[in-house]
Amino acid sequence: MRTRPDVVTELTVGDRLVHLDEHGFLIDPEEWDESVAEELARRQDIQLTGDHWDAIRYMRDFLAEHGVSADARFVMRFLEERAQSQGKTGRDLLFELFPYGYVGQACRIGGMRQPRAWSTG
């Protein structure tokens, strides 16, 4: 699922435009902010909760520190402790928060570029 650079969609968020590739990922992660996340989540019928925001912030921090999107395994580990307190695994919680998957929803809402390769855990 490669992105074609000539296929760009503009999304109005507040009074500005952000640019998405043909699969709905931000072309430039620097265009992301919480209002963009809220709009992208709304379009996927997700109401962002504290757990969503914690996962998204972890992903954004990882991107800022490492220059690449976090693999799903790292996000699952990040969520593991809170998941266990709810009788779940980190994987269960991740897919409860983002039912269409880490790449399909979490990376899009978190403002990541489309990953070239990834592990879904």
PDB file of N, CA and C in Angstrom:
ATOM      1  N   MET A   1       0.858  -1.177   0.000  1.00  0.00           N
ATOM      2  CA  MET A   1       0.000   0.000   0.000  1.00  0.00           C
ATOM      3  C   MET A   1       0.900   1.233   0.000  1.00  0.00           C
ATOM      4  N   ARG A   2       1.476   1.531  -1.106  1.00  0.00           N
ATOM      5  CA  ARG A   2       2.322   2.714  -1.263  1.00  0.00           C
ATOM      6  C   ARG A   2       1.468   3.934  -1.526  1.00  0.00           C
ATOM      7  N   THR A   3       1.930   5.053  -1.053  1.00  0.00           N
ATOM      8  CA  THR A   3       1.233   6.315  -1.264  1.00  0.00           C
ATOM      9  C   THR A   3       1.751   6.979  -2.526  1.00  0.00           C
ATOM     10  N   ARG A   4       0.827   7.475  -3.315  1.00  0.00           N
ATOM     11  CA  ARG A   4       1.210   8.238  -4.502  1.00  0.00           C
ATOM     12  C   ARG A   4       1.293   9.701  -4.103  1.00  0.00           C
ATOM     13  N   PRO A   5       2.435  10.348  -4.317  1.00  0.00           N
ATOM     14  CA  PRO A   5       2.608  11.732  -3.868  1.00  0.00           C
ATOM     15  C   PRO A   5       1.724  12.735  -4.599  1.00  0.00           C
ATOM     16  N   ASP A   6       1.158  12.337  -5.741  1.00  0.00           N
ATOM     17  CA  ASP A   6       0.326  13.264  -6.504  1.00  0.00           C
ATOM     18  C   ASP A   6      -1.136  13.246  -6.064  1.00  0.00           C
ATOM     19  N   VAL A   7      -1.496  12.346  -5.151  1.00  0.00           N
ATOM     20  CA  VAL A   7      -2.876  12.255  -4.681  1.00  0.00           C
ATOM     21  C   VAL A   7      -2.930  12.842  -3.272  1.00  0.00           C
ATOM     22  N   VAL A   8      -3.417  14.073  -3.163  1.00  0.00           N
ATOM     23  CA  VAL A   8      -3.449  14.796  -1.893  1.00  0.00           C
ATOM     24  C   VAL A   8      -4.871  15.266  -1.629  1.00  0.00           C
ATOM     25  N   THR A   9      -5.315  15.091  -0.388  1.00  0.00           N
ATOM     26  CA  THR A   9      -6.606  15.599   0.049  1.00  0.00           C
ATOM     27  C   THR A   9      -6.357  16.690   1.075  1.00  0.00           C
ATOM     28  N   GLU A  10      -7.104  17.767   0.969  1.00  0.00           N
ATOM     29  CA  GLU A  10      -7.004  18.835   1.964  1.00  0.00           C
ATOM     30  C   GLU A  10      -8.153  18.679   2.949  1.00  0.00           C
ATOM     31  N   LEU A  11      -7.837  18.797   4.217  1.00  0.00           N
ATOM     32  CA  LEU A  11      -8.818  18.699   5.287  1.00  0.00           C
ATOM     33  C   LEU A  11      -8.810  20.016   6.047  1.00  0.00           C
ATOM     34  N   THR A  12      -9.981  20.625   6.170  1.00  0.00           N
ATOM     35  CA  THR A  12     -10.086  21.871   6.921  1.00  0.00           C
ATOM     36  C   THR A  12     -10.294  21.549   8.391  1.00  0.00           C
ATOM     37  N   VAL A  13      -9.417  22.079   9.221  1.00  0.00           N
ATOM     38  CA  VAL A  13      -9.514  21.919  10.670  1.00  0.00           C
ATOM     39  C   VAL A  13      -9.431  23.320  11.251  1.00  0.00           C
ATOM     40  N   GLY A  14     -10.549  23.780  11.795  1.00  0.00           N
ATOM     41  CA  GLY A  14     -10.597  25.162  12.264  1.00  0.00           C
ATOM     42  C   GLY A  14     -10.467  26.089  11.077  1.00  0.00           C
ATOM     43  N   ASP A  15      -9.462  26.945  11.107  1.00  0.00           N
ATOM     44  CA  ASP A  15      -9.275  27.912  10.022  1.00  0.00           C
ATOM     45  C   ASP A  15      -8.054  27.587   9.156  1.00  0.00           C
ATOM     46  N   ARG A  16      -7.611  26.343   9.172  1.00  0.00           N
ATOM     47  CA  ARG A  16      -6.436  25.985   8.381  1.00  0.00           C
ATOM     48  C   ARG A  16      -6.646  24.668   7.643  1.00  0.00           C
ATOM     49  N   LEU A  17      -5.777  24.421   6.693  1.00  0.00           N
ATOM     50  CA  LEU A  17      -5.812  23.191   5.917  1.00  0.00           C
ATOM     51  C   LEU A  17      -4.669  22.282   6.346  1.00  0.00           C
ATOM     52  N   VAL A  18      -4.964  20.988   6.435  1.00  0.00           N
ATOM     53  CA  VAL A  18      -3.915  19.986   6.594  1.00  0.00           C
ATOM     54  C   VAL A  18      -4.002  19.072   5.377  1.00  0.00           C
ATOM     55  N   HIS A  19      -2.913  18.429   5.053  1.00  0.00           N
ATOM     56  CA  HIS A  19      -2.815  17.664   3.815  1.00  0.00           C
ATOM     57  C   HIS A  19      -2.654  16.179   4.118  1.00  0.00           C
ATOM     58  N   LEU A  20      -3.544  15.385   3.514  1.00  0.00           N
ATOM     59  CA  LEU A  20      -3.560  13.943   3.719  1.00  0.00           C
ATOM     60  C   LEU A  20      -3.190  13.238   2.423  1.00  0.00           C
ATOM     61  N   ASP A  21      -2.554  12.085   2.556  1.00  0.00           N
ATOM     62  CA  ASP A  21      -2.283  11.281   1.369  1.00  0.00           C
ATOM     63  C   ASP A  21      -3.545  10.514   0.982  1.00  0.00           C
ATOM     64  N   GLU A  22      -3.449   9.703  -0.046  1.00  0.00           N
ATOM     65  CA  GLU A  22      -4.631   9.013  -0.555  1.00  0.00           C
ATOM     66  C   GLU A  22      -5.211   8.000   0.436  1.00  0.00           C
ATOM     67  N   HIS A  23      -4.456   7.647   1.478  1.00  0.00           N
ATOM     68  CA  HIS A  23      -4.936   6.694   2.475  1.00  0.00           C
ATOM     69  C   HIS A  23      -5.340   7.364   3.788  1.00  0.00           C
ATOM     70  N   GLY A  24      -5.328   8.689   3.822  1.00  0.00           N
ATOM     71  CA  GLY A  24      -5.777   9.421   4.994  1.00  0.00           C
ATOM     72  C   GLY A  24      -4.719   9.705   6.037  1.00  0.00           C
ATOM     73  N   PHE A  25      -3.449   9.500   5.709  1.00  0.00           N
ATOM     74  CA  PHE A  25      -2.355   9.812   6.623  1.00  0.00           C
ATOM     75  C   PHE A  25      -1.860  11.223   6.345  1.00  0.00           C
ATOM     76  N   LEU A  26      -1.422  11.915   7.400  1.00  0.00           N
ATOM     77  CA  LEU A  26      -0.832  13.237   7.194  1.00  0.00           C
ATOM     78  C   LEU A  26       0.421  13.117   6.334  1.00  0.00           C
ATOM     79  N   ILE A  27       0.556  14.023   5.409  1.00  0.00           N
ATOM     80  CA  ILE A  27       1.763  14.061   4.590  1.00  0.00           C
ATOM     81  C   ILE A  27       2.913  14.642   5.408  1.00  0.00           C
ATOM     82  N   ASP A  28       2.610  15.639   6.218  1.00  0.00           N
ATOM     83  CA  ASP A  28       3.612  16.283   7.067  1.00  0.00           C
ATOM     84  C   ASP A  28       3.164  16.182   8.519  1.00  0.00           C
ATOM     85  N   PRO A  29       3.798  15.323   9.326  1.00  0.00           N
ATOM     86  CA  PRO A  29       3.400  15.182  10.727  1.00  0.00           C
ATOM     87  C   PRO A  29       3.448  16.486  11.519  1.00  0.00           C
ATOM     88  N   GLU A  30       4.189  17.483  11.024  1.00  0.00           N
ATOM     89  CA  GLU A  30       4.252  18.781  11.701  1.00  0.00           C
ATOM     90  C   GLU A  30       2.931  19.549  11.609  1.00  0.00           C
ATOM     91  N   GLU A  31       2.045  19.156  10.702  1.00  0.00           N
ATOM     92  CA  GLU A  31       0.731  19.800  10.604  1.00  0.00           C
ATOM     93  C   GLU A  31      -0.219  19.316  11.704  1.00  0.00           C
ATOM     94  N   TRP A  32       0.191  18.292  12.438  1.00  0.00           N
ATOM     95  CA  TRP A  32      -0.667  17.683  13.451  1.00  0.00           C
ATOM     96  C   TRP A  32      -0.748  18.543  14.703  1.00  0.00           C
ATOM     97  N   ASP A  33      -1.930  18.600  15.275  1.00  0.00           N
ATOM     98  CA  ASP A  33      -2.129  19.072  16.642  1.00  0.00           C
ATOM     99  C   ASP A  33      -3.371  18.361  17.165  1.00  0.00           C
ATOM    100  N   GLU A  34      -3.753  18.644  18.396  1.00  0.00           N
ATOM    101  CA  GLU A  34      -4.870  17.917  18.992  1.00  0.00           C
ATOM    102  C   GLU A  34      -6.180  18.144  18.252  1.00  0.00           C
ATOM    103  N   SER A  35      -6.370  19.321  17.668  1.00  0.00           N
ATOM    104  CA  SER A  35      -7.611  19.554  16.920  1.00  0.00           C
ATOM    105  C   SER A  35      -7.654  18.694  15.656  1.00  0.00           C
ATOM    106  N   VAL A  36      -6.504  18.454  15.049  1.00  0.00           N
ATOM    107  CA  VAL A  36      -6.439  17.551  13.894  1.00  0.00           C
ATOM    108  C   VAL A  36      -6.790  16.135  14.348  1.00  0.00           C
ATOM    109  N   ALA A  37      -6.221  15.699  15.465  1.00  0.00           N
ATOM    110  CA  ALA A  37      -6.527  14.369  15.997  1.00  0.00           C
ATOM    111  C   ALA A  37      -8.018  14.226  16.268  1.00  0.00           C
ATOM    112  N   GLU A  38      -8.609  15.234  16.878  1.00  0.00           N
ATOM    113  CA  GLU A  38     -10.037  15.168  17.186  1.00  0.00           C
ATOM    114  C   GLU A  38     -10.877  15.056  15.918  1.00  0.00           C
ATOM    115  N   GLU A  39     -10.518  15.791  14.875  1.00  0.00           N
ATOM    116  CA  GLU A  39     -11.261  15.726  13.616  1.00  0.00           C
ATOM    117  C   GLU A  39     -11.079  14.372  12.932  1.00  0.00           C
ATOM    118  N   LEU A  40      -9.852  13.872  12.893  1.00  0.00           N
ATOM    119  CA  LEU A  40      -9.618  12.564  12.284  1.00  0.00           C
ATOM    120  C   LEU A  40     -10.331  11.462  13.065  1.00  0.00           C
ATOM    121  N   ALA A  41     -10.342  11.553  14.386  1.00  0.00           N
ATOM    122  CA  ALA A  41     -11.053  10.573  15.209  1.00  0.00           C
ATOM    123  C   ALA A  41     -12.558  10.663  14.972  1.00  0.00           C
ATOM    124  N   ARG A  42     -13.079  11.874  14.917  1.00  0.00           N
ATOM    125  CA  ARG A  42     -14.516  12.063  14.678  1.00  0.00           C
ATOM    126  C   ARG A  42     -14.928  11.414  13.365  1.00  0.00           C
ATOM    127  N   ARG A  43     -14.106  11.549  12.360  1.00  0.00           N
ATOM    128  CA  ARG A  43     -14.405  10.966  11.050  1.00  0.00           C
ATOM    129  C   ARG A  43     -14.395   9.439  11.087  1.00  0.00           C
ATOM    130  N   GLN A  44     -13.804   8.866  12.134  1.00  0.00           N
ATOM    131  CA  GLN A  44     -13.781   7.412  12.284  1.00  0.00           C
ATOM    132  C   GLN A  44     -14.669   6.956  13.442  1.00  0.00           C
ATOM    133  N   ASP A  45     -15.545   7.857  13.890  1.00  0.00           N
ATOM    134  CA  ASP A  45     -16.489   7.561  14.979  1.00  0.00           C
ATOM    135  C   ASP A  45     -15.800   7.141  16.270  1.00  0.00           C
ATOM    136  N   ILE A  46     -14.698   7.794  16.590  1.00  0.00           N
ATOM    137  CA  ILE A  46     -13.990   7.539  17.844  1.00  0.00           C
ATOM    138  C   ILE A  46     -14.056   8.792  18.698  1.00  0.00           C
ATOM    139  N   GLN A  47     -14.513   8.625  19.935  1.00  0.00           N
ATOM    140  CA  GLN A  47     -14.493   9.697  20.926  1.00  0.00           C
ATOM    141  C   GLN A  47     -13.221   9.511  21.739  1.00  0.00           C
ATOM    142  N   LEU A  48     -12.283  10.431  21.618  1.00  0.00           N
ATOM    143  CA  LEU A  48     -10.990  10.280  22.277  1.00  0.00           C
ATOM    144  C   LEU A  48     -11.115  10.426  23.794  1.00  0.00           C
ATOM    145  N   THR A  49     -10.582   9.429  24.507  1.00  0.00           N
ATOM    146  CA  THR A  49     -10.579   9.396  25.969  1.00  0.00           C
ATOM    147  C   THR A  49      -9.152   9.629  26.468  1.00  0.00           C
ATOM    148  N   GLY A  50      -8.998   9.637  27.765  1.00  0.00           N
ATOM    149  CA  GLY A  50      -7.667   9.777  28.348  1.00  0.00           C
ATOM    150  C   GLY A  50      -6.710   8.692  27.883  1.00  0.00           C
ATOM    151  N   ASP A  51      -7.186   7.450  27.779  1.00  0.00           N
ATOM    152  CA  ASP A  51      -6.331   6.362  27.303  1.00  0.00           C
ATOM    153  C   ASP A  51      -5.905   6.589  25.851  1.00  0.00           C
ATOM    154  N   HIS A  52      -6.832   7.052  25.010  1.00  0.00           N
ATOM    155  CA  HIS A  52      -6.471   7.381  23.626  1.00  0.00           C
ATOM    156  C   HIS A  52      -5.352   8.428  23.607  1.00  0.00           C
ATOM    157  N   TRP A  53      -5.568   9.506  24.365  1.00  0.00           N
ATOM    158  CA  TRP A  53      -4.595  10.605  24.358  1.00  0.00           C
ATOM    159  C   TRP A  53      -3.240  10.155  24.878  1.00  0.00           C
ATOM    160  N   ASP A  54      -3.228   9.302  25.909  1.00  0.00           N
ATOM    161  CA  ASP A  54      -1.949   8.813  26.431  1.00  0.00           C
ATOM    162  C   ASP A  54      -1.204   8.012  25.363  1.00  0.00           C
ATOM    163  N   ALA A  55      -1.925   7.144  24.647  1.00  0.00           N
ATOM    164  CA  ALA A  55      -1.302   6.360  23.578  1.00  0.00           C
ATOM    165  C   ALA A  55      -0.799   7.277  22.465  1.00  0.00           C
ATOM    166  N   ILE A  56      -1.616   8.245  22.075  1.00  0.00           N
ATOM    167  CA  ILE A  56      -1.236   9.174  21.004  1.00  0.00           C
ATOM    168  C   ILE A  56      -0.024  10.002  21.422  1.00  0.00           C
ATOM    169  N   ARG A  57      -0.015  10.485  22.648  1.00  0.00           N
ATOM    170  CA  ARG A  57       1.128  11.290  23.105  1.00  0.00           C
ATOM    171  C   ARG A  57       2.405  10.452  23.165  1.00  0.00           C
ATOM    172  N   TYR A  58       2.265   9.198  23.582  1.00  0.00           N
ATOM    173  CA  TYR A  58       3.422   8.301  23.568  1.00  0.00           C
ATOM    174  C   TYR A  58       3.956   8.161  22.140  1.00  0.00           C
ATOM    175  N   MET A  59       3.049   7.952  21.195  1.00  0.00           N
ATOM    176  CA  MET A  59       3.439   7.811  19.789  1.00  0.00           C
ATOM    177  C   MET A  59       4.116   9.075  19.269  1.00  0.00           C
ATOM    178  N   ARG A  60       3.559  10.230  19.612  1.00  0.00           N
ATOM    179  CA  ARG A  60       4.135  11.506  19.157  1.00  0.00           C
ATOM    180  C   ARG A  60       5.516  11.739  19.783  1.00  0.00           C
ATOM    181  N   ASP A  61       5.644  11.420  21.070  1.00  0.00           N
ATOM    182  CA  ASP A  61       6.944  11.563  21.738  1.00  0.00           C
ATOM    183  C   ASP A  61       7.987  10.635  21.112  1.00  0.00           C
ATOM    184  N   PHE A  62       7.561   9.409  20.797  1.00  0.00           N
ATOM    185  CA  PHE A  62       8.466   8.448  20.164  1.00  0.00           C
ATOM    186  C   PHE A  62       8.923   8.984  18.812  1.00  0.00           C
ATOM    187  N   LEU A  63       7.990   9.511  18.028  1.00  0.00           N
ATOM    188  CA  LEU A  63       8.322  10.087  16.723  1.00  0.00           C
ATOM    189  C   LEU A  63       9.321  11.235  16.871  1.00  0.00           C
ATOM    190  N   ALA A  64       9.076  12.112  17.834  1.00  0.00           N
ATOM    191  CA  ALA A  64       9.970  13.256  18.042  1.00  0.00           C
ATOM    192  C   ALA A  64      11.369  12.803  18.465  1.00  0.00           C
ATOM    193  N   GLU A  65      11.434  11.766  19.303  1.00  0.00           N
ATOM    194  CA  GLU A  65      12.723  11.302  19.816  1.00  0.00           C
ATOM    195  C   GLU A  65      13.507  10.472  18.806  1.00  0.00           C
ATOM    196  N   HIS A  66      12.799   9.620  18.044  1.00  0.00           N
ATOM    197  CA  HIS A  66      13.479   8.652  17.177  1.00  0.00           C
ATOM    198  C   HIS A  66      13.381   8.970  15.684  1.00  0.00           C
ATOM    199  N   GLY A  67      12.494   9.880  15.317  1.00  0.00           N
ATOM    200  CA  GLY A  67      12.345  10.233  13.906  1.00  0.00           C
ATOM    201  C   GLY A  67      11.558   9.238  13.082  1.00  0.00           C
ATOM    202  N   VAL A  68      11.007   8.215  13.725  1.00  0.00           N
ATOM    203  CA  VAL A  68      10.169   7.212  13.060  1.00  0.00           C
ATOM    204  C   VAL A  68       8.977   6.910  13.957  1.00  0.00           C
ATOM    205  N   SER A  69       7.932   6.362  13.352  1.00  0.00           N
ATOM    206  CA  SER A  69       6.757   5.968  14.128  1.00  0.00           C
ATOM    207  C   SER A  69       7.096   4.773  15.006  1.00  0.00           C
ATOM    208  N   ALA A  70       6.501   4.739  16.180  1.00  0.00           N
ATOM    209  CA  ALA A  70       6.691   3.609  17.087  1.00  0.00           C
ATOM    210  C   ALA A  70       6.032   2.368  16.506  1.00  0.00           C
ATOM    211  N   ASP A  71       6.695   1.240  16.637  1.00  0.00           N
ATOM    212  CA  ASP A  71       6.089  -0.031  16.269  1.00  0.00           C
ATOM    213  C   ASP A  71       4.952  -0.311  17.251  1.00  0.00           C
ATOM    214  N   ALA A  72       3.939  -1.001  16.795  1.00  0.00           N
ATOM    215  CA  ALA A  72       2.787  -1.314  17.646  1.00  0.00           C
ATOM    216  C   ALA A  72       3.213  -1.998  18.945  1.00  0.00           C
ATOM    217  N   ARG A  73       4.252  -2.821  18.896  1.00  0.00           N
ATOM    218  CA  ARG A  73       4.710  -3.530  20.102  1.00  0.00           C
ATOM    219  C   ARG A  73       5.078  -2.574  21.225  1.00  0.00           C
ATOM    220  N   PHE A  74       5.695  -1.447  20.865  1.00  0.00           N
ATOM    221  CA  PHE A  74       6.097  -0.478  21.884  1.00  0.00           C
ATOM    222  C   PHE A  74       4.878   0.184  22.518  1.00  0.00           C
ATOM    223  N   VAL A  75       3.880   0.464  21.725  1.00  0.00           N
ATOM    224  CA  VAL A  75       2.653   1.077  22.252  1.00  0.00           C
ATOM    225  C   VAL A  75       1.923   0.076  23.139  1.00  0.00           C
ATOM    226  N   MET A  76       1.910  -1.195  22.738  1.00  0.00           N
ATOM    227  CA  MET A  76       1.281  -2.229  23.567  1.00  0.00           C
ATOM    228  C   MET A  76       1.980  -2.330  24.914  1.00  0.00           C
ATOM    229  N   ARG A  77       3.308  -2.295  24.908  1.00  0.00           N
ATOM    230  CA  ARG A  77       4.055  -2.329  26.172  1.00  0.00           C
ATOM    231  C   ARG A  77       3.747  -1.105  27.024  1.00  0.00           C
ATOM    232  N   PHE A  78       3.656   0.049  26.377  1.00  0.00           N
ATOM    233  CA  PHE A  78       3.318   1.279  27.087  1.00  0.00           C
ATOM    234  C   PHE A  78       1.955   1.145  27.775  1.00  0.00           C
ATOM    235  N   LEU A  79       0.993   0.511  27.122  1.00  0.00           N
ATOM    236  CA  LEU A  79      -0.365   0.372  27.656  1.00  0.00           C
ATOM    237  C   LEU A  79      -0.518  -0.804  28.620  1.00  0.00           C
ATOM    238  N   GLU A  80       0.483  -1.671  28.704  1.00  0.00           N
ATOM    239  CA  GLU A  80       0.352  -2.935  29.431  1.00  0.00           C
ATOM    240  C   GLU A  80      -0.068  -2.773  30.896  1.00  0.00           C
ATOM    241  N   GLU A  81       0.570  -1.889  31.634  1.00  0.00           N
ATOM    242  CA  GLU A  81       0.271  -1.767  33.067  1.00  0.00           C
ATOM    243  C   GLU A  81      -1.179  -1.351  33.302  1.00  0.00           C
ATOM    244  N   ARG A  82      -1.643  -0.328  32.596  1.00  0.00           N
ATOM    245  CA  ARG A  82      -3.035   0.096  32.783  1.00  0.00           C
ATOM    246  C   ARG A  82      -3.995  -0.970  32.288  1.00  0.00           C
ATOM    247  N   ALA A  83      -3.600  -1.699  31.245  1.00  0.00           N
ATOM    248  CA  ALA A  83      -4.449  -2.770  30.726  1.00  0.00           C
ATOM    249  C   ALA A  83      -4.598  -3.874  31.768  1.00  0.00           C
ATOM    250  N   GLN A  84      -3.498  -4.236  32.417  1.00  0.00           N
ATOM    251  CA  GLN A  84      -3.552  -5.289  33.429  1.00  0.00           C
ATOM    252  C   GLN A  84      -4.460  -4.901  34.579  1.00  0.00           C
ATOM    253  N   SER A  85      -4.487  -3.625  34.928  1.00  0.00           N
ATOM    254  CA  SER A  85      -5.373  -3.185  36.011  1.00  0.00           C
ATOM    255  C   SER A  85      -6.843  -3.316  35.614  1.00  0.00           C
ATOM    256  N   GLN A  86      -7.095  -3.470  34.307  1.00  0.00           N
ATOM    257  CA  GLN A  86      -8.456  -3.664  33.801  1.00  0.00           C
ATOM    258  C   GLN A  86      -8.694  -5.127  33.400  1.00  0.00           C
ATOM    259  N   GLY A  87      -7.735  -6.009  33.729  1.00  0.00           N
ATOM    260  CA  GLY A  87      -7.859  -7.420  33.392  1.00  0.00           C
ATOM    261  C   GLY A  87      -7.643  -7.713  31.914  1.00  0.00           C
ATOM    262  N   LYS A  88      -6.844  -6.893  31.244  1.00  0.00           N
ATOM    263  CA  LYS A  88      -6.597  -7.040  29.809  1.00  0.00           C
ATOM    264  C   LYS A  88      -5.097  -7.057  29.550  1.00  0.00           C
ATOM    265  N   THR A  89      -4.747  -7.295  28.304  1.00  0.00           N
ATOM    266  CA  THR A  89      -3.361  -7.143  27.867  1.00  0.00           C
ATOM    267  C   THR A  89      -3.229  -5.787  27.173  1.00  0.00           C
ATOM    268  N   GLY A  90      -1.992  -5.354  26.971  1.00  0.00           N
ATOM    269  CA  GLY A  90      -1.761  -4.118  26.231  1.00  0.00           C
ATOM    270  C   GLY A  90      -2.316  -4.204  24.824  1.00  0.00           C
ATOM    271  N   ARG A  91      -2.201  -5.383  24.213  1.00  0.00           N
ATOM    272  CA  ARG A  91      -2.743  -5.585  22.863  1.00  0.00           C
ATOM    273  C   ARG A  91      -4.260  -5.434  22.874  1.00  0.00           C
ATOM    274  N   ASP A  92      -4.912  -6.059  23.872  1.00  0.00           N
ATOM    275  CA  ASP A  92      -6.373  -5.943  23.974  1.00  0.00           C
ATOM    276  C   ASP A  92      -6.792  -4.481  24.084  1.00  0.00           C
ATOM    277  N   LEU A  93      -6.101  -3.735  24.939  1.00  0.00           N
ATOM    278  CA  LEU A  93      -6.463  -2.334  25.150  1.00  0.00           C
ATOM    279  C   LEU A  93      -6.218  -1.512  23.890  1.00  0.00           C
ATOM    280  N   LEU A  94      -5.090  -1.748  23.223  1.00  0.00           N
ATOM    281  CA  LEU A  94      -4.807  -1.009  21.995  1.00  0.00           C
ATOM    282  C   LEU A  94      -5.924  -1.212  20.970  1.00  0.00           C
ATOM    283  N   PHE A  95      -6.361  -2.448  20.786  1.00  0.00           N
ATOM    284  CA  PHE A  95      -7.396  -2.722  19.790  1.00  0.00           C
ATOM    285  C   PHE A  95      -8.795  -2.355  20.283  1.00  0.00           C
ATOM    286  N   GLU A  96      -8.962  -2.199  21.585  1.00  0.00           N
ATOM    287  CA  GLU A  96     -10.216  -1.645  22.104  1.00  0.00           C
ATOM    288  C   GLU A  96     -10.276  -0.143  21.802  1.00  0.00           C
ATOM    289  N   LEU A  97      -9.154   0.522  21.980  1.00  0.00           N
ATOM    290  CA  LEU A  97      -9.094   1.960  21.713  1.00  0.00           C
ATOM    291  C   LEU A  97      -9.191   2.251  20.219  1.00  0.00           C
ATOM    292  N   PHE A  98      -8.518   1.439  19.428  1.00  0.00           N
ATOM    293  CA  PHE A  98      -8.450   1.639  17.977  1.00  0.00           C
ATOM    294  C   PHE A  98      -8.862   0.335  17.298  1.00  0.00           C
ATOM    295  N   PRO A  99     -10.172   0.074  17.203  1.00  0.00           N
ATOM    296  CA  PRO A  99     -10.657  -1.227  16.738  1.00  0.00           C
ATOM    297  C   PRO A  99     -10.252  -1.605  15.316  1.00  0.00           C
ATOM    298  N   TYR A 100      -9.948  -0.631  14.479  1.00  0.00           N
ATOM    299  CA  TYR A 100      -9.508  -0.950  13.121  1.00  0.00           C
ATOM    300  C   TYR A 100      -7.995  -1.016  13.024  1.00  0.00           C
ATOM    301  N   GLY A 101      -7.340  -1.075  14.180  1.00  0.00           N
ATOM    302  CA  GLY A 101      -5.921  -1.356  14.208  1.00  0.00           C
ATOM    303  C   GLY A 101      -5.016  -0.168  14.461  1.00  0.00           C
ATOM    304  N   TYR A 102      -3.792  -0.535  14.766  1.00  0.00           N
ATOM    305  CA  TYR A 102      -2.775   0.455  15.096  1.00  0.00           C
ATOM    306  C   TYR A 102      -2.501   1.371  13.908  1.00  0.00           C
ATOM    307  N   VAL A 103      -2.228   0.788  12.760  1.00  0.00           N
ATOM    308  CA  VAL A 103      -1.940   1.602  11.585  1.00  0.00           C
ATOM    309  C   VAL A 103      -3.215   2.243  11.069  1.00  0.00           C
ATOM    310  N   GLY A 104      -4.281   1.459  10.967  1.00  0.00           N
ATOM    311  CA  GLY A 104      -5.529   1.947  10.391  1.00  0.00           C
ATOM    312  C   GLY A 104      -6.150   3.116  11.125  1.00  0.00           C
ATOM    313  N   GLN A 105      -5.974   3.171  12.429  1.00  0.00           N
ATOM    314  CA  GLN A 105      -6.569   4.272  13.193  1.00  0.00           C
ATOM    315  C   GLN A 105      -5.558   5.025  14.039  1.00  0.00           C
ATOM    316  N   ALA A 106      -4.801   4.339  14.860  1.00  0.00           N
ATOM    317  CA  ALA A 106      -3.911   5.037  15.800  1.00  0.00           C
ATOM    318  C   ALA A 106      -2.891   5.907  15.068  1.00  0.00           C
ATOM    319  N   CYS A 107      -2.260   5.363  14.040  1.00  0.00           N
ATOM    320  CA  CYS A 107      -1.253   6.153  13.310  1.00  0.00           C
ATOM    321  C   CYS A 107      -1.885   7.312  12.560  1.00  0.00           C
ATOM    322  N   ARG A 108      -3.057   7.089  11.992  1.00  0.00           N
ATOM    323  CA  ARG A 108      -3.729   8.190  11.288  1.00  0.00           C
ATOM    324  C   ARG A 108      -4.097   9.301  12.261  1.00  0.00           C
ATOM    325  N   ILE A 109      -4.787   8.942  13.331  1.00  0.00           N
ATOM    326  CA  ILE A 109      -5.252   9.937  14.300  1.00  0.00           C
ATOM    327  C   ILE A 109      -4.067  10.617  14.984  1.00  0.00           C
ATOM    328  N   GLY A 110      -2.997   9.867  15.221  1.00  0.00           N
ATOM    329  CA  GLY A 110      -1.805  10.415  15.863  1.00  0.00           C
ATOM    330  C   GLY A 110      -0.936  11.263  14.955  1.00  0.00           C
ATOM    331  N   GLY A 111      -1.317  11.380  13.689  1.00  0.00           N
ATOM    332  CA  GLY A 111      -0.595  12.262  12.778  1.00  0.00           C
ATOM    333  C   GLY A 111       0.687  11.697  12.207  1.00  0.00           C
ATOM    334  N   MET A 112       0.779  10.378  12.144  1.00  0.00           N
ATOM    335  CA  MET A 112       1.959   9.743  11.571  1.00  0.00           C
ATOM    336  C   MET A 112       1.843   9.691  10.048  1.00  0.00           C
ATOM    337  N   ARG A 113       2.978   9.618   9.391  1.00  0.00           N
ATOM    338  CA  ARG A 113       2.976   9.272   7.969  1.00  0.00           C
ATOM    339  C   ARG A 113       2.598   7.800   7.869  1.00  0.00           C
ATOM    340  N   GLN A 114       2.167   7.391   6.693  1.00  0.00           N
ATOM    341  CA  GLN A 114       1.852   5.982   6.502  1.00  0.00           C
ATOM    342  C   GLN A 114       3.114   5.148   6.675  1.00  0.00           C
ATOM    343  N   PRO A 115       3.111   4.203   7.616  1.00  0.00           N
ATOM    344  CA  PRO A 115       4.293   3.355   7.799  1.00  0.00           C
ATOM    345  C   PRO A 115       4.538   2.486   6.562  1.00  0.00           C
ATOM    346  N   ARG A 116       5.796   2.263   6.240  1.00  0.00           N
ATOM    347  CA  ARG A 116       6.132   1.385   5.107  1.00  0.00           C
ATOM    348  C   ARG A 116       5.990  -0.073   5.503  1.00  0.00           C
ATOM    349  N   ALA A 117       6.320  -0.382   6.731  1.00  0.00           N
ATOM    350  CA  ALA A 117       6.203  -1.746   7.240  1.00  0.00           C
ATOM    351  C   ALA A 117       5.958  -1.644   8.731  1.00  0.00           C
ATOM    352  N   TRP A 118       5.246  -2.606   9.279  1.00  0.00           N
ATOM    353  CA  TRP A 118       4.930  -2.537  10.696  1.00  0.00           C
ATOM    354  C   TRP A 118       4.557  -3.907  11.204  1.00  0.00           C
ATOM    355  N   SER A 119       4.564  -4.036  12.512  1.00  0.00           N
ATOM    356  CA  SER A 119       4.091  -5.237  13.184  1.00  0.00           C
ATOM    357  C   SER A 119       2.806  -4.877  13.897  1.00  0.00           C
ATOM    358  N   THR A 120       1.800  -5.715  13.755  1.00  0.00           N
ATOM    359  CA  THR A 120       0.544  -5.463  14.458  1.00  0.00           C
ATOM    360  C   THR A 120       0.492  -6.224  15.767  1.00  0.00           C
ATOM    361  N   GLY A 121       1.571  -6.854  16.140  1.00  0.00           N
ATOM    362  CA  GLY A 121       1.649  -7.546  17.409  1.00  0.00           C
ATOM    363  C   GLY A 121       1.082  -8.902  17.296  1.00  0.00           C
TER     364      GLY A 121
END
